[in-house]
Amino acid sequence: MNSNIIFHGVSDDAGSSLYEDRINSLPDHLRISILPNDLLHHILSFVPAQDAIRTSVLSRRWQRVWIGLQTFAFSDDTRSAAAGFANSVDEVLAHSHGMDRLEISVRHPPHQARANEWLQHAAERVRENTSIIFRYDRENIVAEQDCERIVLDLPCGGRTSAMTLDFRLIGVGALEIPPASAAVPSSLTQLELKYLRIHGSSLSNFVSS
């Protein structure tokens, strides 16, 4: 890694110059570890979500840094990304309670099968926007009539203010709408549905005026 991290003015003490010299003499991987969390979060925001989570094994200092990220975007579209994909999503939903945005893009059937579970957890933990996007599994393409239909339950309640459910590339999704009697206070104000069939009570019964 080629970088040039230089620290200036880290202390007002008389020995600050010596302290700076000691810091700047450290290898890059140690120098970056002493940065404040806000700056580390900014750096990790440019890193794929799964890689950001993997930084927890670097040292004790890094174990919980990723938890403070506000946005996570997961995709299992490549072989390398598919490895450990479910565990990474589970980690985020279990430990990150202050995130603003979560996007989960899935194409592998085992991950698609867990989409409804992830959606329910995300509705409780994500503040602003939750997106579930389904893609073709290009290695195992089957005719639509032979696909197992994926059913999602629209969460009752939760913190998420906006939600996107997108089946555009498979077209075999169904959304279960809870009856009006099951409705509870919710922060959801925007719901975007793409290529879904709606089951259960009508949207007019679900959406309050």
N, C-alpha and C. Protein backbone atom coordinates (compact mmCIF):
# COMPACT_ATOMS: atom_id res chain seq x y z
N MET A 1 0.84 -1.19 0.00
CA MET A 1 0.00 0.00 0.00
C MET A 1 0.88 1.24 0.00
N ASN A 2 0.70 2.05 -1.00
CA ASN A 2 1.47 3.28 -1.08
C ASN A 2 0.63 4.42 -0.55
N SER A 3 1.03 5.02 0.54
CA SER A 3 0.28 6.13 1.11
C SER A 3 1.25 7.09 1.76
N ASN A 4 0.73 8.22 2.12
CA ASN A 4 1.58 9.23 2.73
C ASN A 4 0.79 9.90 3.85
N ILE A 5 0.67 9.20 4.98
CA ILE A 5 -0.08 9.70 6.11
C ILE A 5 0.87 10.42 7.03
N ILE A 6 0.71 11.73 7.15
CA ILE A 6 1.60 12.53 7.98
C ILE A 6 0.76 13.24 9.03
N PHE A 7 1.20 13.21 10.27
CA PHE A 7 0.49 13.85 11.36
C PHE A 7 1.22 15.11 11.79
N HIS A 8 0.46 16.20 11.97
CA HIS A 8 1.02 17.46 12.43
C HIS A 8 0.15 18.01 13.56
N GLY A 9 0.79 18.69 14.51
CA GLY A 9 0.03 19.39 15.54
C GLY A 9 -0.81 18.49 16.40
N VAL A 10 -0.31 17.28 16.74
CA VAL A 10 -1.10 16.34 17.52
C VAL A 10 -1.07 16.66 19.00
N SER A 11 -0.22 17.57 19.45
CA SER A 11 -0.13 17.90 20.87
C SER A 11 0.44 19.30 21.03
N ASP A 12 0.06 19.92 22.12
CA ASP A 12 0.60 21.25 22.43
C ASP A 12 1.80 21.17 23.36
N ASP A 13 2.18 19.98 23.76
CA ASP A 13 3.30 19.82 24.68
C ASP A 13 4.61 20.18 24.00
N ALA A 14 5.61 20.45 24.83
CA ALA A 14 6.92 20.78 24.28
C ALA A 14 7.50 19.64 23.47
N GLY A 15 7.10 18.43 23.83
CA GLY A 15 7.64 17.27 23.12
C GLY A 15 6.82 16.83 21.94
N SER A 16 5.93 17.73 21.47
CA SER A 16 5.04 17.33 20.38
C SER A 16 5.79 16.98 19.11
N SER A 17 6.87 17.69 18.85
CA SER A 17 7.63 17.41 17.63
C SER A 17 8.20 16.00 17.66
N LEU A 18 8.71 15.59 18.82
CA LEU A 18 9.23 14.23 18.95
C LEU A 18 8.12 13.21 18.82
N TYR A 19 6.94 13.55 19.37
CA TYR A 19 5.79 12.64 19.29
C TYR A 19 5.36 12.46 17.84
N GLU A 20 5.34 13.57 17.10
CA GLU A 20 4.98 13.48 15.68
C GLU A 20 5.97 12.62 14.93
N ASP A 21 7.25 12.79 15.23
CA ASP A 21 8.28 12.00 14.55
C ASP A 21 8.08 10.50 14.82
N ARG A 22 7.73 10.19 16.04
CA ARG A 22 7.52 8.78 16.38
C ARG A 22 6.32 8.20 15.63
N ILE A 23 5.25 9.00 15.56
CA ILE A 23 4.06 8.54 14.83
C ILE A 23 4.37 8.36 13.35
N ASN A 24 5.03 9.34 12.77
CA ASN A 24 5.29 9.30 11.34
C ASN A 24 6.32 8.25 10.96
N SER A 25 7.03 7.74 11.95
CA SER A 25 7.98 6.67 11.67
C SER A 25 7.33 5.29 11.68
N LEU A 26 6.06 5.23 12.11
CA LEU A 26 5.36 3.95 12.16
C LEU A 26 5.00 3.49 10.75
N PRO A 27 4.88 2.17 10.54
CA PRO A 27 4.40 1.67 9.25
C PRO A 27 2.97 2.17 9.01
N ASP A 28 2.56 2.21 7.73
CA ASP A 28 1.24 2.74 7.38
C ASP A 28 0.12 2.02 8.11
N HIS A 29 0.21 0.68 8.23
CA HIS A 29 -0.90 -0.06 8.82
C HIS A 29 -1.06 0.25 10.30
N LEU A 30 -0.01 0.76 10.96
CA LEU A 30 -0.12 1.18 12.35
C LEU A 30 -0.56 2.63 12.46
N ARG A 31 -0.07 3.45 11.54
CA ARG A 31 -0.44 4.86 11.57
C ARG A 31 -1.94 5.05 11.34
N ILE A 32 -2.51 4.29 10.43
CA ILE A 32 -3.94 4.45 10.13
C ILE A 32 -4.79 4.01 11.31
N SER A 33 -4.26 3.12 12.14
CA SER A 33 -5.03 2.61 13.27
C SER A 33 -5.23 3.66 14.36
N ILE A 34 -4.41 4.67 14.40
CA ILE A 34 -4.56 5.68 15.45
C ILE A 34 -5.44 6.85 15.02
N LEU A 35 -5.96 6.77 13.79
CA LEU A 35 -6.90 7.81 13.34
C LEU A 35 -8.20 7.70 14.14
N PRO A 36 -8.92 8.79 14.31
CA PRO A 36 -10.21 8.75 15.01
C PRO A 36 -11.24 7.95 14.21
N ASN A 37 -12.24 7.43 14.91
CA ASN A 37 -13.25 6.58 14.27
C ASN A 37 -13.96 7.27 13.12
N ASP A 38 -14.28 8.55 13.27
CA ASP A 38 -15.00 9.26 12.21
C ASP A 38 -14.23 9.21 10.89
N LEU A 39 -12.92 9.36 10.98
CA LEU A 39 -12.11 9.34 9.77
C LEU A 39 -11.99 7.92 9.23
N LEU A 40 -11.88 6.94 10.11
CA LEU A 40 -11.84 5.54 9.67
C LEU A 40 -13.16 5.15 9.00
N HIS A 41 -14.27 5.62 9.53
CA HIS A 41 -15.56 5.34 8.90
C HIS A 41 -15.61 5.93 7.50
N HIS A 42 -15.06 7.14 7.34
CA HIS A 42 -15.05 7.76 6.00
C HIS A 42 -14.21 6.91 5.04
N ILE A 43 -13.08 6.42 5.50
CA ILE A 43 -12.23 5.58 4.65
C ILE A 43 -12.95 4.29 4.28
N LEU A 44 -13.58 3.65 5.26
CA LEU A 44 -14.25 2.37 5.01
C LEU A 44 -15.49 2.53 4.13
N SER A 45 -16.02 3.75 4.03
CA SER A 45 -17.19 3.96 3.19
C SER A 45 -16.88 3.75 1.71
N PHE A 46 -15.60 3.76 1.35
CA PHE A 46 -15.19 3.52 -0.03
C PHE A 46 -14.84 2.05 -0.29
N VAL A 47 -14.97 1.23 0.73
CA VAL A 47 -14.59 -0.18 0.66
C VAL A 47 -15.85 -1.03 0.56
N PRO A 48 -15.86 -2.12 -0.25
CA PRO A 48 -17.03 -3.01 -0.26
C PRO A 48 -17.41 -3.44 1.15
N ALA A 49 -18.70 -3.55 1.40
CA ALA A 49 -19.19 -3.80 2.76
C ALA A 49 -18.56 -5.03 3.39
N GLN A 50 -18.45 -6.12 2.62
CA GLN A 50 -17.88 -7.34 3.19
C GLN A 50 -16.42 -7.15 3.60
N ASP A 51 -15.68 -6.37 2.80
CA ASP A 51 -14.28 -6.10 3.15
C ASP A 51 -14.19 -5.20 4.38
N ALA A 52 -15.12 -4.25 4.49
CA ALA A 52 -15.13 -3.39 5.67
C ALA A 52 -15.33 -4.20 6.94
N ILE A 53 -16.22 -5.18 6.88
CA ILE A 53 -16.47 -6.04 8.05
C ILE A 53 -15.25 -6.88 8.37
N ARG A 54 -14.54 -7.31 7.34
CA ARG A 54 -13.35 -8.16 7.55
C ARG A 54 -12.23 -7.42 8.27
N THR A 55 -12.28 -6.09 8.30
CA THR A 55 -11.23 -5.36 9.01
C THR A 55 -11.25 -5.65 10.51
N SER A 56 -12.31 -6.26 10.98
CA SER A 56 -12.42 -6.56 12.41
C SER A 56 -11.37 -7.56 12.88
N VAL A 57 -10.75 -8.28 11.94
CA VAL A 57 -9.73 -9.26 12.33
C VAL A 57 -8.33 -8.66 12.33
N LEU A 58 -8.19 -7.40 11.95
CA LEU A 58 -6.86 -6.80 11.86
C LEU A 58 -6.19 -6.67 13.22
N SER A 59 -6.95 -6.21 14.19
CA SER A 59 -6.42 -6.02 15.53
C SER A 59 -7.58 -5.71 16.46
N ARG A 60 -7.29 -5.64 17.75
CA ARG A 60 -8.34 -5.28 18.70
C ARG A 60 -8.90 -3.90 18.40
N ARG A 61 -8.05 -2.99 17.96
CA ARG A 61 -8.48 -1.63 17.63
C ARG A 61 -9.58 -1.63 16.56
N TRP A 62 -9.50 -2.58 15.62
CA TRP A 62 -10.41 -2.60 14.48
C TRP A 62 -11.65 -3.46 14.69
N GLN A 63 -11.76 -4.13 15.81
CA GLN A 63 -12.83 -5.11 15.98
C GLN A 63 -14.23 -4.54 15.78
N ARG A 64 -14.45 -3.32 16.24
CA ARG A 64 -15.80 -2.76 16.18
C ARG A 64 -15.88 -1.45 15.38
N VAL A 65 -14.83 -1.13 14.65
CA VAL A 65 -14.84 0.13 13.88
C VAL A 65 -15.95 0.10 12.84
N TRP A 66 -16.11 -1.00 12.11
CA TRP A 66 -17.08 -1.08 11.02
C TRP A 66 -18.51 -0.90 11.48
N ILE A 67 -18.78 -1.19 12.75
CA ILE A 67 -20.15 -1.11 13.26
C ILE A 67 -20.69 0.31 13.17
N GLY A 68 -19.80 1.30 13.18
CA GLY A 68 -20.24 2.69 13.11
C GLY A 68 -20.56 3.20 11.72
N LEU A 69 -20.40 2.38 10.69
CA LEU A 69 -20.73 2.82 9.33
C LEU A 69 -22.23 3.07 9.21
N GLN A 70 -22.60 4.06 8.38
CA GLN A 70 -24.00 4.44 8.22
C GLN A 70 -24.66 3.77 7.02
N THR A 71 -23.86 3.28 6.08
CA THR A 71 -24.41 2.70 4.85
C THR A 71 -23.71 1.38 4.55
N PHE A 72 -24.51 0.36 4.20
CA PHE A 72 -23.97 -0.93 3.80
C PHE A 72 -24.66 -1.35 2.51
N ALA A 73 -23.86 -1.79 1.53
CA ALA A 73 -24.40 -2.30 0.27
C ALA A 73 -23.76 -3.65 -0.01
N PHE A 74 -24.58 -4.70 -0.05
CA PHE A 74 -24.10 -6.05 -0.27
C PHE A 74 -24.57 -6.57 -1.62
N SER A 75 -23.69 -7.31 -2.30
CA SER A 75 -24.06 -7.97 -3.55
C SER A 75 -23.29 -9.28 -3.65
N ASP A 76 -24.00 -10.34 -4.01
CA ASP A 76 -23.34 -11.65 -4.18
C ASP A 76 -23.15 -11.97 -5.66
N ASP A 77 -22.95 -10.92 -6.46
CA ASP A 77 -22.91 -11.08 -7.91
C ASP A 77 -21.63 -11.73 -8.42
N THR A 78 -20.60 -11.80 -7.60
CA THR A 78 -19.36 -12.46 -8.01
C THR A 78 -19.07 -13.63 -7.07
N ARG A 79 -18.24 -14.53 -7.54
CA ARG A 79 -17.92 -15.71 -6.74
C ARG A 79 -17.26 -15.32 -5.42
N SER A 80 -16.35 -14.36 -5.48
CA SER A 80 -15.65 -13.95 -4.26
C SER A 80 -16.61 -13.27 -3.28
N ALA A 81 -17.55 -12.49 -3.82
CA ALA A 81 -18.51 -11.80 -2.96
C ALA A 81 -19.49 -12.78 -2.32
N ALA A 82 -19.80 -13.88 -3.04
CA ALA A 82 -20.77 -14.85 -2.53
C ALA A 82 -20.23 -15.58 -1.31
N ALA A 83 -18.90 -15.74 -1.23
CA ALA A 83 -18.29 -16.43 -0.10
C ALA A 83 -18.46 -15.60 1.17
N GLY A 84 -19.14 -16.16 2.15
CA GLY A 84 -19.36 -15.45 3.40
C GLY A 84 -20.40 -14.37 3.33
N PHE A 85 -21.16 -14.30 2.23
CA PHE A 85 -22.14 -13.24 2.03
C PHE A 85 -23.19 -13.24 3.14
N ALA A 86 -23.82 -14.39 3.38
CA ALA A 86 -24.89 -14.46 4.38
C ALA A 86 -24.37 -14.10 5.77
N ASN A 87 -23.18 -14.57 6.10
CA ASN A 87 -22.63 -14.26 7.42
C ASN A 87 -22.39 -12.76 7.58
N SER A 88 -21.95 -12.10 6.50
CA SER A 88 -21.71 -10.66 6.57
C SER A 88 -23.00 -9.90 6.79
N VAL A 89 -24.06 -10.27 6.06
CA VAL A 89 -25.35 -9.60 6.24
C VAL A 89 -25.87 -9.84 7.65
N ASP A 90 -25.73 -11.07 8.14
CA ASP A 90 -26.17 -11.39 9.50
C ASP A 90 -25.42 -10.55 10.53
N GLU A 91 -24.12 -10.36 10.32
CA GLU A 91 -23.30 -9.58 11.25
C GLU A 91 -23.80 -8.14 11.32
N VAL A 92 -24.06 -7.56 10.17
CA VAL A 92 -24.52 -6.17 10.13
C VAL A 92 -25.87 -6.03 10.84
N LEU A 93 -26.80 -6.93 10.55
CA LEU A 93 -28.13 -6.83 11.13
C LEU A 93 -28.13 -7.13 12.63
N ALA A 94 -27.14 -7.89 13.07
CA ALA A 94 -27.07 -8.23 14.50
C ALA A 94 -26.39 -7.14 15.32
N HIS A 95 -25.42 -6.44 14.72
CA HIS A 95 -24.58 -5.55 15.52
C HIS A 95 -24.69 -4.06 15.17
N SER A 96 -25.16 -3.73 13.98
CA SER A 96 -25.22 -2.33 13.58
C SER A 96 -26.65 -1.82 13.75
N HIS A 97 -26.86 -0.98 14.76
CA HIS A 97 -28.21 -0.52 15.06
C HIS A 97 -28.43 0.94 14.68
N GLY A 98 -27.43 1.59 14.09
CA GLY A 98 -27.59 3.00 13.77
C GLY A 98 -27.41 3.31 12.30
N MET A 99 -27.50 2.32 11.42
CA MET A 99 -27.24 2.57 10.01
C MET A 99 -28.42 3.29 9.37
N ASP A 100 -28.09 4.11 8.36
CA ASP A 100 -29.10 4.86 7.64
C ASP A 100 -29.62 4.12 6.41
N ARG A 101 -28.73 3.39 5.73
CA ARG A 101 -29.11 2.74 4.48
C ARG A 101 -28.54 1.32 4.40
N LEU A 102 -29.36 0.42 3.88
CA LEU A 102 -28.93 -0.96 3.66
C LEU A 102 -29.48 -1.44 2.33
N GLU A 103 -28.57 -1.92 1.48
CA GLU A 103 -28.98 -2.51 0.20
C GLU A 103 -28.45 -3.94 0.13
N ILE A 104 -29.33 -4.88 -0.16
CA ILE A 104 -28.96 -6.28 -0.29
C ILE A 104 -29.37 -6.75 -1.67
N SER A 105 -28.40 -7.05 -2.51
CA SER A 105 -28.65 -7.52 -3.87
C SER A 105 -28.26 -8.99 -3.95
N VAL A 106 -29.23 -9.84 -4.30
CA VAL A 106 -28.99 -11.29 -4.26
C VAL A 106 -29.34 -11.96 -5.58
N ARG A 107 -28.54 -12.95 -5.95
CA ARG A 107 -28.85 -13.76 -7.13
C ARG A 107 -28.79 -15.25 -6.85
N HIS A 108 -28.06 -15.67 -5.80
CA HIS A 108 -27.96 -17.09 -5.48
C HIS A 108 -29.20 -17.54 -4.69
N PRO A 109 -29.83 -18.65 -5.08
CA PRO A 109 -31.06 -19.11 -4.42
C PRO A 109 -30.98 -19.21 -2.90
N PRO A 110 -29.88 -19.71 -2.31
CA PRO A 110 -29.84 -19.76 -0.84
C PRO A 110 -29.93 -18.38 -0.20
N HIS A 111 -29.39 -17.37 -0.88
CA HIS A 111 -29.48 -16.01 -0.35
C HIS A 111 -30.87 -15.41 -0.60
N GLN A 112 -31.44 -15.70 -1.76
CA GLN A 112 -32.79 -15.23 -2.04
C GLN A 112 -33.78 -15.81 -1.03
N ALA A 113 -33.53 -17.05 -0.60
CA ALA A 113 -34.43 -17.70 0.35
C ALA A 113 -34.41 -17.03 1.71
N ARG A 114 -33.35 -16.29 2.00
CA ARG A 114 -33.25 -15.62 3.30
C ARG A 114 -33.66 -14.15 3.23
N ALA A 115 -34.06 -13.69 2.05
CA ALA A 115 -34.37 -12.27 1.86
C ALA A 115 -35.48 -11.80 2.79
N ASN A 116 -36.51 -12.61 2.99
CA ASN A 116 -37.61 -12.17 3.84
C ASN A 116 -37.16 -12.00 5.29
N GLU A 117 -36.34 -12.92 5.76
CA GLU A 117 -35.79 -12.81 7.11
C GLU A 117 -34.98 -11.53 7.26
N TRP A 118 -34.11 -11.25 6.27
CA TRP A 118 -33.29 -10.04 6.33
C TRP A 118 -34.14 -8.78 6.27
N LEU A 119 -35.21 -8.83 5.47
CA LEU A 119 -36.09 -7.66 5.35
C LEU A 119 -36.74 -7.33 6.70
N GLN A 120 -37.20 -8.34 7.41
CA GLN A 120 -37.86 -8.09 8.70
C GLN A 120 -36.88 -7.48 9.70
N HIS A 121 -35.66 -7.99 9.74
CA HIS A 121 -34.66 -7.43 10.66
C HIS A 121 -34.28 -6.01 10.26
N ALA A 122 -34.12 -5.79 8.94
CA ALA A 122 -33.71 -4.46 8.45
C ALA A 122 -34.76 -3.41 8.79
N ALA A 123 -36.03 -3.77 8.72
CA ALA A 123 -37.09 -2.81 9.00
C ALA A 123 -36.98 -2.26 10.42
N GLU A 124 -36.43 -3.06 11.32
CA GLU A 124 -36.30 -2.65 12.72
C GLU A 124 -35.02 -1.87 12.99
N ARG A 125 -34.02 -1.98 12.11
CA ARG A 125 -32.71 -1.44 12.42
C ARG A 125 -32.26 -0.30 11.52
N VAL A 126 -32.76 -0.25 10.30
CA VAL A 126 -32.33 0.78 9.33
C VAL A 126 -33.23 2.00 9.44
N ARG A 127 -32.63 3.18 9.53
CA ARG A 127 -33.42 4.38 9.76
C ARG A 127 -34.05 4.94 8.49
N GLU A 128 -33.29 4.97 7.40
CA GLU A 128 -33.77 5.71 6.22
C GLU A 128 -34.26 4.81 5.09
N ASN A 129 -33.38 4.01 4.51
CA ASN A 129 -33.76 3.28 3.30
C ASN A 129 -33.26 1.84 3.33
N THR A 130 -34.18 0.92 3.08
CA THR A 130 -33.85 -0.50 2.95
C THR A 130 -34.21 -0.95 1.54
N SER A 131 -33.26 -1.59 0.85
CA SER A 131 -33.51 -2.09 -0.50
C SER A 131 -33.16 -3.57 -0.58
N ILE A 132 -34.09 -4.35 -1.14
CA ILE A 132 -33.83 -5.76 -1.45
C ILE A 132 -33.97 -5.90 -2.95
N ILE A 133 -32.90 -6.32 -3.61
CA ILE A 133 -32.88 -6.42 -5.08
C ILE A 133 -32.55 -7.86 -5.46
N PHE A 134 -33.34 -8.43 -6.36
CA PHE A 134 -33.14 -9.81 -6.80
C PHE A 134 -32.59 -9.81 -8.23
N ARG A 135 -31.60 -10.67 -8.46
CA ARG A 135 -30.95 -10.77 -9.77
C ARG A 135 -31.03 -12.21 -10.28
N TYR A 136 -30.84 -12.35 -11.59
CA TYR A 136 -30.72 -13.69 -12.17
C TYR A 136 -29.49 -14.40 -11.62
N ASP A 137 -29.65 -15.69 -11.35
CA ASP A 137 -28.49 -16.54 -11.13
C ASP A 137 -28.07 -17.03 -12.52
N ARG A 138 -27.10 -16.34 -13.11
CA ARG A 138 -26.74 -16.60 -14.50
C ARG A 138 -26.18 -18.01 -14.72
N GLU A 139 -25.71 -18.64 -13.65
CA GLU A 139 -25.15 -19.98 -13.79
C GLU A 139 -26.22 -21.05 -13.71
N ASN A 140 -27.41 -20.68 -13.24
CA ASN A 140 -28.48 -21.67 -13.08
C ASN A 140 -29.81 -21.08 -13.51
N ILE A 141 -29.85 -20.57 -14.75
CA ILE A 141 -31.07 -19.94 -15.26
C ILE A 141 -32.12 -21.02 -15.56
N VAL A 142 -33.33 -20.80 -15.06
CA VAL A 142 -34.44 -21.71 -15.33
C VAL A 142 -35.62 -20.88 -15.81
N ALA A 143 -36.58 -21.56 -16.44
CA ALA A 143 -37.75 -20.85 -16.94
C ALA A 143 -38.55 -20.30 -15.76
N GLU A 144 -39.23 -19.18 -16.00
CA GLU A 144 -39.97 -18.53 -14.91
C GLU A 144 -40.99 -19.47 -14.29
N GLN A 145 -41.68 -20.30 -15.12
CA GLN A 145 -42.70 -21.18 -14.59
C GLN A 145 -42.11 -22.27 -13.70
N ASP A 146 -40.79 -22.49 -13.82
CA ASP A 146 -40.14 -23.50 -13.00
C ASP A 146 -39.49 -22.91 -11.75
N CYS A 147 -39.52 -21.59 -11.60
CA CYS A 147 -38.91 -20.94 -10.46
C CYS A 147 -39.79 -21.08 -9.22
N GLU A 148 -39.16 -21.23 -8.10
CA GLU A 148 -39.89 -21.20 -6.85
C GLU A 148 -40.19 -19.75 -6.50
N ARG A 149 -41.47 -19.45 -6.35
CA ARG A 149 -41.86 -18.06 -6.11
C ARG A 149 -41.35 -17.60 -4.75
N ILE A 150 -40.78 -16.41 -4.75
CA ILE A 150 -40.25 -15.81 -3.53
C ILE A 150 -41.32 -14.90 -2.94
N VAL A 151 -41.65 -15.15 -1.70
CA VAL A 151 -42.68 -14.36 -1.02
C VAL A 151 -42.04 -13.53 0.08
N LEU A 152 -42.31 -12.24 0.05
CA LEU A 152 -41.85 -11.34 1.10
C LEU A 152 -43.06 -10.85 1.89
N ASP A 153 -42.88 -10.71 3.20
CA ASP A 153 -43.92 -10.15 4.06
C ASP A 153 -43.61 -8.68 4.30
N LEU A 154 -44.53 -7.81 3.95
CA LEU A 154 -44.32 -6.39 4.23
C LEU A 154 -44.27 -6.21 5.74
N PRO A 155 -43.16 -5.68 6.27
CA PRO A 155 -43.02 -5.57 7.72
C PRO A 155 -44.11 -4.70 8.34
N CYS A 156 -44.57 -5.12 9.51
CA CYS A 156 -45.48 -4.29 10.31
C CYS A 156 -44.63 -3.47 11.28
N GLY A 157 -44.73 -2.17 11.20
CA GLY A 157 -43.96 -1.33 12.08
C GLY A 157 -42.52 -1.21 11.62
N GLY A 158 -41.66 -0.78 12.52
CA GLY A 158 -40.25 -0.65 12.20
C GLY A 158 -39.80 0.80 12.10
N ARG A 159 -38.46 0.96 11.90
CA ARG A 159 -37.83 2.28 11.85
C ARG A 159 -37.65 2.81 10.44
N THR A 160 -37.57 1.93 9.45
CA THR A 160 -37.25 2.33 8.08
C THR A 160 -38.29 3.29 7.52
N SER A 161 -37.84 4.39 6.94
CA SER A 161 -38.76 5.37 6.37
C SER A 161 -39.01 5.14 4.89
N ALA A 162 -38.10 4.42 4.20
CA ALA A 162 -38.27 4.15 2.76
C ALA A 162 -37.82 2.73 2.47
N MET A 163 -38.52 2.08 1.55
CA MET A 163 -38.20 0.69 1.25
C MET A 163 -38.38 0.43 -0.24
N THR A 164 -37.43 -0.31 -0.83
CA THR A 164 -37.51 -0.71 -2.22
C THR A 164 -37.40 -2.22 -2.32
N LEU A 165 -38.36 -2.85 -3.00
CA LEU A 165 -38.34 -4.30 -3.23
C LEU A 165 -38.39 -4.50 -4.74
N ASP A 166 -37.32 -5.02 -5.30
CA ASP A 166 -37.12 -5.03 -6.75
C ASP A 166 -36.88 -6.46 -7.25
N PHE A 167 -37.83 -6.99 -8.03
CA PHE A 167 -37.71 -8.32 -8.62
C PHE A 167 -37.54 -8.23 -10.13
N ARG A 168 -37.03 -7.14 -10.62
CA ARG A 168 -37.08 -6.86 -12.05
C ARG A 168 -36.44 -7.94 -12.92
N LEU A 169 -35.43 -8.64 -12.40
CA LEU A 169 -34.71 -9.59 -13.25
C LEU A 169 -35.16 -11.03 -13.08
N ILE A 170 -36.15 -11.27 -12.21
CA ILE A 170 -36.68 -12.63 -12.15
C ILE A 170 -38.19 -12.64 -12.25
N GLY A 171 -38.86 -11.62 -11.74
CA GLY A 171 -40.29 -11.51 -11.93
C GLY A 171 -41.10 -12.60 -11.27
N VAL A 172 -40.58 -13.21 -10.23
CA VAL A 172 -41.31 -14.31 -9.57
C VAL A 172 -41.57 -13.98 -8.11
N GLY A 173 -41.67 -12.70 -7.79
CA GLY A 173 -41.84 -12.29 -6.40
C GLY A 173 -43.28 -11.99 -6.06
N ALA A 174 -43.63 -12.24 -4.81
CA ALA A 174 -44.95 -11.92 -4.30
C ALA A 174 -44.78 -11.20 -2.97
N LEU A 175 -45.67 -10.26 -2.70
CA LEU A 175 -45.62 -9.50 -1.46
C LEU A 175 -46.89 -9.76 -0.67
N GLU A 176 -46.73 -10.21 0.55
CA GLU A 176 -47.86 -10.43 1.45
C GLU A 176 -48.11 -9.14 2.23
N ILE A 177 -49.31 -8.59 2.07
CA ILE A 177 -49.69 -7.37 2.78
C ILE A 177 -50.47 -7.78 4.03
N PRO A 178 -50.04 -7.34 5.20
CA PRO A 178 -50.79 -7.70 6.41
C PRO A 178 -52.15 -7.04 6.43
N PRO A 179 -53.13 -7.66 7.06
CA PRO A 179 -54.46 -7.03 7.16
C PRO A 179 -54.38 -5.76 7.98
N ALA A 180 -55.35 -4.88 7.75
CA ALA A 180 -55.36 -3.60 8.45
C ALA A 180 -55.38 -3.79 9.96
N SER A 181 -55.98 -4.87 10.43
CA SER A 181 -56.07 -5.11 11.87
C SER A 181 -54.71 -5.39 12.49
N ALA A 182 -53.73 -5.77 11.65
CA ALA A 182 -52.39 -6.10 12.15
C ALA A 182 -51.46 -4.90 12.12
N ALA A 183 -51.92 -3.79 11.57
CA ALA A 183 -51.06 -2.63 11.41
C ALA A 183 -50.67 -2.05 12.77
N VAL A 184 -49.41 -1.64 12.89
CA VAL A 184 -48.89 -0.99 14.09
C VAL A 184 -48.16 0.27 13.65
N PRO A 185 -47.88 1.19 14.57
CA PRO A 185 -47.16 2.41 14.18
C PRO A 185 -45.88 2.10 13.42
N SER A 186 -45.68 2.79 12.33
CA SER A 186 -44.52 2.55 11.48
C SER A 186 -43.95 3.87 10.98
N SER A 187 -42.63 3.88 10.72
CA SER A 187 -41.98 5.06 10.17
C SER A 187 -41.99 5.07 8.65
N LEU A 188 -42.51 4.00 8.03
CA LEU A 188 -42.46 3.86 6.58
C LEU A 188 -43.36 4.89 5.90
N THR A 189 -42.75 5.72 5.06
CA THR A 189 -43.50 6.73 4.30
C THR A 189 -43.36 6.57 2.80
N GLN A 190 -42.41 5.74 2.35
CA GLN A 190 -42.19 5.54 0.92
C GLN A 190 -41.93 4.07 0.65
N LEU A 191 -42.72 3.49 -0.24
CA LEU A 191 -42.58 2.08 -0.60
C LEU A 191 -42.54 1.95 -2.11
N GLU A 192 -41.44 1.46 -2.64
CA GLU A 192 -41.27 1.28 -4.09
C GLU A 192 -41.25 -0.22 -4.40
N LEU A 193 -42.19 -0.66 -5.24
CA LEU A 193 -42.33 -2.06 -5.60
C LEU A 193 -42.10 -2.23 -7.09
N LYS A 194 -41.27 -3.20 -7.45
CA LYS A 194 -40.98 -3.44 -8.86
C LYS A 194 -41.17 -4.93 -9.17
N TYR A 195 -42.10 -5.19 -10.10
CA TYR A 195 -42.36 -6.54 -10.59
C TYR A 195 -42.74 -7.50 -9.47
N LEU A 196 -43.69 -7.07 -8.66
CA LEU A 196 -44.18 -7.89 -7.56
C LEU A 196 -45.67 -8.15 -7.72
N ARG A 197 -46.10 -9.29 -7.24
CA ARG A 197 -47.52 -9.56 -7.09
C ARG A 197 -47.89 -9.32 -5.63
N ILE A 198 -49.05 -8.72 -5.42
CA ILE A 198 -49.45 -8.38 -4.06
C ILE A 198 -50.53 -9.34 -3.59
N HIS A 199 -50.29 -9.97 -2.44
CA HIS A 199 -51.24 -10.88 -1.83
C HIS A 199 -51.80 -10.27 -0.56
N GLY A 200 -52.94 -10.79 -0.11
CA GLY A 200 -53.50 -10.34 1.16
C GLY A 200 -54.43 -9.16 0.98
N SER A 201 -54.56 -8.36 2.01
CA SER A 201 -55.46 -7.21 1.94
C SER A 201 -54.97 -6.22 0.91
N SER A 202 -55.84 -5.40 0.42
CA SER A 202 -55.46 -4.43 -0.61
C SER A 202 -54.59 -3.35 0.00
N LEU A 203 -53.83 -2.69 -0.86
CA LEU A 203 -52.99 -1.60 -0.39
C LEU A 203 -53.83 -0.47 0.21
N SER A 204 -55.04 -0.30 -0.30
CA SER A 204 -55.87 0.78 0.21
C SER A 204 -56.27 0.54 1.67
N ASN A 205 -56.31 -0.73 2.07
CA ASN A 205 -56.61 -1.04 3.47
C ASN A 205 -55.39 -0.92 4.34
N PHE A 206 -54.22 -1.07 3.74
CA PHE A 206 -52.99 -1.04 4.51
C PHE A 206 -52.50 0.38 4.73
N VAL A 207 -52.62 1.22 3.70
CA VAL A 207 -52.08 2.57 3.76
C VAL A 207 -53.11 3.50 4.39
N SER A 208 -52.70 4.20 5.44
CA SER A 208 -53.62 5.12 6.10
C SER A 208 -53.71 6.42 5.31
N SER A 209 -54.79 7.10 5.44
CA SER A 209 -54.97 8.36 4.71
C SER A 209 -54.32 9.49 5.48
